[in-house]
Amino acid sequence: MEKKDIQGLSIYIYTFGSLKTNTYVFEDSKSVCVVDPANANKDEDIEIIEKIKELGELKYIINTHGHFDHIIGNRTLKEEFKNAKIIIHPLDKEKLNDSVKNGSNFFGEPVISPDCDIKVNDGDIIKIGKIILTVIHTPGHTKGSISLKGDGFIFSGDTLFTGSVGIAKEYSNAFEEMITSIKKKLLVLQDETIVLPGHGGTSKIKEEKE
């Protein structure tokens, strides 16, 4: 686990599962948010649950998209924290409980998540205590991929990585849409904005422009 402090906010970064997916945990006023719970076994479940309980009460589970490695921990967290709400874009909602569409059947055991509680679209606001996340619809990797902009940082899911971009092969014009998403919605953010991607290390927008 790595801890990153951004504008006074402590974000705990876990890398879970065979695909080394990043899971982000943070809180404000004892309200906890988890972005992309990738915890895939008992040890990982215990690790993230203990951190959440240490920080407060889980309010939101946000999936940047519906691929299995980003939703695999939804069920465990929802069972442990029954009042937590699962959030996803409506265009990726059906991936939650379809192991073909979320890709898990190709990797072995099917991943079936509980249904989402809240569907979000471009421009929507998610509040965790005093923290405000703005939803940015960034289609390409999947049709319903979202990024989440906070104060000085962006959760970019599998759209933008450090030094590279995501895979975009799910539909006919996916790659073009993803490049448009990156150029027109992410690279226009302030240069010092910290990029918190779905895989790999963190970066800054100014570094990804180069």
C-alpha atoms as a PDB file:
ATOM      1  CA  MET A   1       0.000   0.000   0.000  1.00  0.00           C
ATOM      2  CA  GLU A   2       1.173   3.491  -0.889  1.00  0.00           C
ATOM      3  CA  LYS A   3      -0.130   6.729   0.612  1.00  0.00           C
ATOM      4  CA  LYS A   4      -0.277   9.881  -1.492  1.00  0.00           C
ATOM      5  CA  ASP A   5      -1.129  13.283  -0.014  1.00  0.00           C
ATOM      6  CA  ILE A   6      -2.727  15.729  -2.457  1.00  0.00           C
ATOM      7  CA  GLN A   7      -3.971  19.151  -1.322  1.00  0.00           C
ATOM      8  CA  GLY A   8      -4.363  17.847   2.231  1.00  0.00           C
ATOM      9  CA  LEU A   9      -6.201  14.689   1.154  1.00  0.00           C
ATOM     10  CA  SER A  10      -4.619  11.315   1.953  1.00  0.00           C
ATOM     11  CA  ILE A  11      -5.264   8.750  -0.786  1.00  0.00           C
ATOM     12  CA  TYR A  12      -4.323   5.142  -0.071  1.00  0.00           C
ATOM     13  CA  ILE A  13      -3.284   3.195  -3.162  1.00  0.00           C
ATOM     14  CA  TYR A  14      -3.489  -0.603  -3.267  1.00  0.00           C
ATOM     15  CA  THR A  15      -2.409  -2.758  -6.196  1.00  0.00           C
ATOM     16  CA  PHE A  16      -4.469  -5.938  -6.257  1.00  0.00           C
ATOM     17  CA  GLY A  17      -5.032  -9.039  -8.376  1.00  0.00           C
ATOM     18  CA  SER A  18      -3.268 -10.729 -11.260  1.00  0.00           C
ATOM     19  CA  LEU A  19      -3.655  -7.658 -13.497  1.00  0.00           C
ATOM     20  CA  LYS A  20      -2.105  -5.371 -10.854  1.00  0.00           C
ATOM     21  CA  THR A  21      -5.113  -3.066 -10.759  1.00  0.00           C
ATOM     22  CA  ASN A  22      -4.980   0.080  -8.629  1.00  0.00           C
ATOM     23  CA  THR A  23      -7.597   0.536  -5.927  1.00  0.00           C
ATOM     24  CA  TYR A  24      -7.923   3.947  -4.274  1.00  0.00           C
ATOM     25  CA  VAL A  25      -9.282   4.557  -0.766  1.00  0.00           C
ATOM     26  CA  PHE A  26      -9.835   7.960   0.852  1.00  0.00           C
ATOM     27  CA  GLU A  27     -12.143   9.682   3.314  1.00  0.00           C
ATOM     28  CA  ASP A  28     -13.404  12.981   4.603  1.00  0.00           C
ATOM     29  CA  SER A  29     -15.472  13.455   7.763  1.00  0.00           C
ATOM     30  CA  LYS A  30     -15.449   9.663   8.289  1.00  0.00           C
ATOM     31  CA  SER A  31     -17.168   9.088   4.922  1.00  0.00           C
ATOM     32  CA  VAL A  32     -15.041   6.660   2.901  1.00  0.00           C
ATOM     33  CA  CYS A  33     -14.874   6.206  -0.872  1.00  0.00           C
ATOM     34  CA  VAL A  34     -13.271   3.330  -2.786  1.00  0.00           C
ATOM     35  CA  VAL A  35     -12.462   3.727  -6.473  1.00  0.00           C
ATOM     36  CA  ASP A  36     -12.158   0.455  -8.443  1.00  0.00           C
ATOM     37  CA  PRO A  37     -12.091  -2.246  -5.724  1.00  0.00           C
ATOM     38  CA  ALA A  38      -9.783  -4.875  -7.218  1.00  0.00           C
ATOM     39  CA  ASN A  39      -9.434  -6.981  -4.055  1.00  0.00           C
ATOM     40  CA  ALA A  40      -9.593 -10.519  -5.398  1.00  0.00           C
ATOM     41  CA  ASN A  41      -8.769 -12.865  -2.506  1.00  0.00           C
ATOM     42  CA  LYS A  42      -9.234 -13.191   1.248  1.00  0.00           C
ATOM     43  CA  ASP A  43      -5.974 -11.472   2.185  1.00  0.00           C
ATOM     44  CA  GLU A  44      -6.735  -8.514  -0.082  1.00  0.00           C
ATOM     45  CA  ASP A  45     -10.312  -8.376   1.235  1.00  0.00           C
ATOM     46  CA  ILE A  46      -9.084  -8.209   4.832  1.00  0.00           C
ATOM     47  CA  GLU A  47      -6.499  -5.554   3.998  1.00  0.00           C
ATOM     48  CA  ILE A  48      -8.942  -3.137   2.387  1.00  0.00           C
ATOM     49  CA  ILE A  49     -11.784  -3.782   4.847  1.00  0.00           C
ATOM     50  CA  GLU A  50      -9.489  -3.053   7.791  1.00  0.00           C
ATOM     51  CA  LYS A  51      -8.386   0.226   6.194  1.00  0.00           C
ATOM     52  CA  ILE A  52     -11.981   1.286   5.503  1.00  0.00           C
ATOM     53  CA  LYS A  53     -13.019   0.552   9.100  1.00  0.00           C
ATOM     54  CA  GLU A  54     -10.000   2.476  10.356  1.00  0.00           C
ATOM     55  CA  LEU A  55     -11.032   5.503   8.276  1.00  0.00           C
ATOM     56  CA  GLY A  56     -14.785   5.477   8.907  1.00  0.00           C
ATOM     57  CA  GLU A  57     -17.860   4.176   7.098  1.00  0.00           C
ATOM     58  CA  LEU A  58     -17.894   3.222   3.410  1.00  0.00           C
ATOM     59  CA  LYS A  59     -20.237   5.532   1.503  1.00  0.00           C
ATOM     60  CA  TYR A  60     -19.404   4.969  -2.171  1.00  0.00           C
ATOM     61  CA  ILE A  61     -17.851   2.288  -4.361  1.00  0.00           C
ATOM     62  CA  ILE A  62     -17.063   3.941  -7.695  1.00  0.00           C
ATOM     63  CA  ASN A  63     -16.225   1.858 -10.763  1.00  0.00           C
ATOM     64  CA  THR A  64     -14.430   3.843 -13.483  1.00  0.00           C
ATOM     65  CA  HIS A  65     -15.673   1.160 -15.879  1.00  0.00           C
ATOM     66  CA  GLY A  66     -17.111  -2.338 -15.816  1.00  0.00           C
ATOM     67  CA  HIS A  67     -14.167  -4.623 -16.539  1.00  0.00           C
ATOM     68  CA  PHE A  68     -13.854  -7.428 -14.023  1.00  0.00           C
ATOM     69  CA  ASP A  69     -10.566  -6.353 -12.473  1.00  0.00           C
ATOM     70  CA  HIS A  70     -12.123  -3.006 -11.495  1.00  0.00           C
ATOM     71  CA  ILE A  71     -15.360  -4.443 -10.057  1.00  0.00           C
ATOM     72  CA  ILE A  72     -14.253  -7.757  -8.541  1.00  0.00           C
ATOM     73  CA  GLY A  73     -14.273  -6.353  -5.000  1.00  0.00           C
ATOM     74  CA  ASN A  74     -17.766  -4.837  -5.269  1.00  0.00           C
ATOM     75  CA  ARG A  75     -19.562  -7.839  -3.785  1.00  0.00           C
ATOM     76  CA  THR A  76     -17.240  -8.281  -0.802  1.00  0.00           C
ATOM     77  CA  LEU A  77     -17.409  -4.596   0.099  1.00  0.00           C
ATOM     78  CA  LYS A  78     -21.173  -4.414  -0.394  1.00  0.00           C
ATOM     79  CA  GLU A  79     -21.662  -7.444   1.860  1.00  0.00           C
ATOM     80  CA  GLU A  80     -19.420  -5.964   4.558  1.00  0.00           C
ATOM     81  CA  PHE A  81     -20.763  -2.395   4.263  1.00  0.00           C
ATOM     82  CA  LYS A  82     -24.423  -2.805   3.374  1.00  0.00           C
ATOM     83  CA  ASN A  83     -25.177   0.920   3.137  1.00  0.00           C
ATOM     84  CA  ALA A  84     -22.433   1.561   0.583  1.00  0.00           C
ATOM     85  CA  LYS A  85     -23.610   2.632  -2.879  1.00  0.00           C
ATOM     86  CA  ILE A  86     -22.090   1.278  -6.103  1.00  0.00           C
ATOM     87  CA  ILE A  87     -21.638   3.984  -8.750  1.00  0.00           C
ATOM     88  CA  ILE A  88     -21.003   3.441 -12.476  1.00  0.00           C
ATOM     89  CA  HIS A  89     -21.835   5.044 -15.832  1.00  0.00           C
ATOM     90  CA  PRO A  90     -25.080   3.656 -17.349  1.00  0.00           C
ATOM     91  CA  LEU A  91     -23.298   2.457 -20.510  1.00  0.00           C
ATOM     92  CA  ASP A  92     -21.165   0.085 -18.403  1.00  0.00           C
ATOM     93  CA  LYS A  93     -23.897  -0.962 -15.976  1.00  0.00           C
ATOM     94  CA  GLU A  94     -24.619  -4.230 -17.788  1.00  0.00           C
ATOM     95  CA  LYS A  95     -20.994  -5.343 -17.380  1.00  0.00           C
ATOM     96  CA  LEU A  96     -21.455  -5.636 -13.627  1.00  0.00           C
ATOM     97  CA  ASN A  97     -23.333  -8.924 -13.793  1.00  0.00           C
ATOM     98  CA  ASP A  98     -22.321 -10.274 -17.195  1.00  0.00           C
ATOM     99  CA  SER A  99     -19.078 -12.273 -17.079  1.00  0.00           C
ATOM    100  CA  VAL A 100     -18.716 -12.208 -20.876  1.00  0.00           C
ATOM    101  CA  LYS A 101     -19.070  -8.432 -21.117  1.00  0.00           C
ATOM    102  CA  ASN A 102     -16.818  -7.745 -18.124  1.00  0.00           C
ATOM    103  CA  GLY A 103     -14.189 -10.138 -19.461  1.00  0.00           C
ATOM    104  CA  SER A 104     -13.898 -12.387 -16.424  1.00  0.00           C
ATOM    105  CA  ASN A 105     -14.938 -15.575 -18.207  1.00  0.00           C
ATOM    106  CA  PHE A 106     -11.771 -15.346 -20.314  1.00  0.00           C
ATOM    107  CA  PHE A 107      -9.631 -15.340 -17.160  1.00  0.00           C
ATOM    108  CA  GLY A 108     -11.258 -18.227 -15.302  1.00  0.00           C
ATOM    109  CA  GLU A 109     -13.794 -17.672 -12.551  1.00  0.00           C
ATOM    110  CA  PRO A 110     -16.760 -15.468 -13.548  1.00  0.00           C
ATOM    111  CA  VAL A 111     -17.082 -12.159 -11.697  1.00  0.00           C
ATOM    112  CA  ILE A 112     -20.644 -11.109 -10.901  1.00  0.00           C
ATOM    113  CA  SER A 113     -21.136  -7.831  -9.059  1.00  0.00           C
ATOM    114  CA  PRO A 114     -24.267  -6.587  -7.329  1.00  0.00           C
ATOM    115  CA  ASP A 115     -26.231  -4.085  -9.404  1.00  0.00           C
ATOM    116  CA  CYS A 116     -25.288  -0.435  -9.233  1.00  0.00           C
ATOM    117  CA  ASP A 117     -27.158   1.896  -6.901  1.00  0.00           C
ATOM    118  CA  ILE A 118     -26.323   5.147  -8.687  1.00  0.00           C
ATOM    119  CA  LYS A 119     -25.717   5.835 -12.384  1.00  0.00           C
ATOM    120  CA  VAL A 120     -23.614   8.900 -13.195  1.00  0.00           C
ATOM    121  CA  ASN A 121     -23.133  10.898 -16.375  1.00  0.00           C
ATOM    122  CA  ASP A 122     -20.709  13.545 -17.602  1.00  0.00           C
ATOM    123  CA  GLY A 123     -20.687  16.578 -15.330  1.00  0.00           C
ATOM    124  CA  ASP A 124     -22.312  14.891 -12.348  1.00  0.00           C
ATOM    125  CA  ILE A 125     -20.933  15.639  -8.885  1.00  0.00           C
ATOM    126  CA  ILE A 126     -20.099  13.044  -6.222  1.00  0.00           C
ATOM    127  CA  LYS A 127     -19.598  14.368  -2.676  1.00  0.00           C
ATOM    128  CA  ILE A 128     -17.658  12.525   0.014  1.00  0.00           C
ATOM    129  CA  GLY A 129     -17.697  14.787   3.053  1.00  0.00           C
ATOM    130  CA  LYS A 130     -16.247  18.041   1.751  1.00  0.00           C
ATOM    131  CA  ILE A 131     -14.512  16.303  -1.168  1.00  0.00           C
ATOM    132  CA  ILE A 132     -16.089  16.951  -4.546  1.00  0.00           C
ATOM    133  CA  LEU A 133     -15.479  14.629  -7.500  1.00  0.00           C
ATOM    134  CA  THR A 134     -16.648  15.705 -10.947  1.00  0.00           C
ATOM    135  CA  VAL A 135     -17.542  12.900 -13.343  1.00  0.00           C
ATOM    136  CA  ILE A 136     -15.934  13.162 -16.781  1.00  0.00           C
ATOM    137  CA  HIS A 137     -17.279  10.710 -19.369  1.00  0.00           C
ATOM    138  CA  THR A 138     -14.198   9.414 -21.207  1.00  0.00           C
ATOM    139  CA  PRO A 139     -15.424   6.728 -23.635  1.00  0.00           C
ATOM    140  CA  GLY A 140     -12.988   4.589 -25.590  1.00  0.00           C
ATOM    141  CA  HIS A 141     -11.608   1.849 -23.362  1.00  0.00           C
ATOM    142  CA  THR A 142     -15.286   1.072 -22.797  1.00  0.00           C
ATOM    143  CA  LYS A 143     -18.354   3.068 -23.816  1.00  0.00           C
ATOM    144  CA  GLY A 144     -19.088   3.898 -20.201  1.00  0.00           C
ATOM    145  CA  SER A 145     -15.583   4.704 -18.982  1.00  0.00           C
ATOM    146  CA  ILE A 146     -15.409   7.663 -16.626  1.00  0.00           C
ATOM    147  CA  SER A 147     -12.659   9.712 -15.034  1.00  0.00           C
ATOM    148  CA  LEU A 148     -13.123  11.491 -11.705  1.00  0.00           C
ATOM    149  CA  LYS A 149     -11.687  14.955 -11.179  1.00  0.00           C
ATOM    150  CA  GLY A 150     -10.879  16.136  -7.679  1.00  0.00           C
ATOM    151  CA  ASP A 151      -8.915  19.078  -6.301  1.00  0.00           C
ATOM    152  CA  GLY A 152      -5.522  18.667  -7.953  1.00  0.00           C
ATOM    153  CA  PHE A 153      -5.979  15.080  -9.119  1.00  0.00           C
ATOM    154  CA  ILE A 154      -7.827  12.878 -11.586  1.00  0.00           C
ATOM    155  CA  PHE A 155      -8.742   9.191 -11.346  1.00  0.00           C
ATOM    156  CA  SER A 156      -8.285   8.219 -15.003  1.00  0.00           C
ATOM    157  CA  GLY A 157      -9.285   4.537 -14.924  1.00  0.00           C
ATOM    158  CA  ASP A 158      -7.929   2.646 -17.928  1.00  0.00           C
ATOM    159  CA  THR A 159      -8.100   5.675 -20.237  1.00  0.00           C
ATOM    160  CA  LEU A 160      -4.811   7.426 -19.455  1.00  0.00           C
ATOM    161  CA  PHE A 161      -1.738   5.770 -17.930  1.00  0.00           C
ATOM    162  CA  THR A 162       1.722   7.043 -17.106  1.00  0.00           C
ATOM    163  CA  GLY A 163       3.392   7.323 -20.499  1.00  0.00           C
ATOM    164  CA  SER A 164       0.674   5.476 -22.403  1.00  0.00           C
ATOM    165  CA  VAL A 165      -3.034   5.159 -23.100  1.00  0.00           C
ATOM    166  CA  GLY A 166      -5.553   2.389 -22.594  1.00  0.00           C
ATOM    167  CA  ILE A 167      -6.551  -0.390 -24.954  1.00  0.00           C
ATOM    168  CA  ALA A 168      -9.610   0.507 -27.012  1.00  0.00           C
ATOM    169  CA  LYS A 169     -10.970  -2.402 -29.044  1.00  0.00           C
ATOM    170  CA  GLU A 170     -14.473  -3.017 -27.697  1.00  0.00           C
ATOM    171  CA  TYR A 171     -16.357  -1.277 -30.503  1.00  0.00           C
ATOM    172  CA  SER A 172     -15.698   0.073 -33.984  1.00  0.00           C
ATOM    173  CA  ASN A 173     -14.541   3.650 -33.292  1.00  0.00           C
ATOM    174  CA  ALA A 174     -13.307   3.008 -29.762  1.00  0.00           C
ATOM    175  CA  PHE A 175      -9.717   4.120 -30.253  1.00  0.00           C
ATOM    176  CA  GLU A 176     -10.733   7.381 -31.928  1.00  0.00           C
ATOM    177  CA  GLU A 177     -13.164   8.089 -29.088  1.00  0.00           C
ATOM    178  CA  MET A 178     -10.519   7.384 -26.476  1.00  0.00           C
ATOM    179  CA  ILE A 179      -7.964   9.707 -28.086  1.00  0.00           C
ATOM    180  CA  THR A 180     -10.638  12.417 -28.285  1.00  0.00           C
ATOM    181  CA  SER A 181     -11.479  11.838 -24.611  1.00  0.00           C
ATOM    182  CA  ILE A 182      -7.831  12.170 -23.624  1.00  0.00           C
ATOM    183  CA  LYS A 183      -7.076  15.234 -25.755  1.00  0.00           C
ATOM    184  CA  LYS A 184     -10.271  17.196 -25.142  1.00  0.00           C
ATOM    185  CA  LYS A 185     -11.158  16.188 -21.576  1.00  0.00           C
ATOM    186  CA  LEU A 186      -7.986  15.137 -19.733  1.00  0.00           C
ATOM    187  CA  LEU A 187      -4.983  16.896 -21.263  1.00  0.00           C
ATOM    188  CA  VAL A 188      -6.839  20.220 -20.945  1.00  0.00           C
ATOM    189  CA  LEU A 189      -6.669  19.966 -17.143  1.00  0.00           C
ATOM    190  CA  GLN A 190      -4.093  22.002 -15.236  1.00  0.00           C
ATOM    191  CA  ASP A 191      -0.513  20.843 -15.809  1.00  0.00           C
ATOM    192  CA  GLU A 192       0.081  20.000 -12.145  1.00  0.00           C
ATOM    193  CA  THR A 193      -2.994  17.752 -11.919  1.00  0.00           C
ATOM    194  CA  ILE A 194      -1.874  14.364 -10.588  1.00  0.00           C
ATOM    195  CA  VAL A 195      -3.004  11.402 -12.697  1.00  0.00           C
ATOM    196  CA  LEU A 196      -4.128   8.372 -10.671  1.00  0.00           C
ATOM    197  CA  PRO A 197      -4.556   5.585 -13.250  1.00  0.00           C
ATOM    198  CA  GLY A 198      -6.128   2.134 -13.160  1.00  0.00           C
ATOM    199  CA  HIS A 199      -2.740   0.447 -13.567  1.00  0.00           C
ATOM    200  CA  GLY A 200       0.844   1.558 -13.002  1.00  0.00           C
ATOM    201  CA  GLY A 201       2.300   4.555 -11.230  1.00  0.00           C
ATOM    202  CA  THR A 202       1.057   8.111 -10.898  1.00  0.00           C
ATOM    203  CA  SER A 203       1.952  10.988 -13.199  1.00  0.00           C
ATOM    204  CA  LYS A 204       1.043  14.600 -13.927  1.00  0.00           C
ATOM    205  CA  ILE A 205      -0.945  16.018 -16.828  1.00  0.00           C
ATOM    206  CA  LYS A 206       2.036  18.086 -17.997  1.00  0.00           C
ATOM    207  CA  GLU A 207       4.123  14.893 -18.293  1.00  0.00           C
ATOM    208  CA  GLU A 208       1.430  13.163 -20.348  1.00  0.00           C
ATOM    209  CA  LYS A 209       1.275  16.093 -22.786  1.00  0.00           C
ATOM    210  CA  GLU A 210       4.893  15.515 -23.758  1.00  0.00           C
END
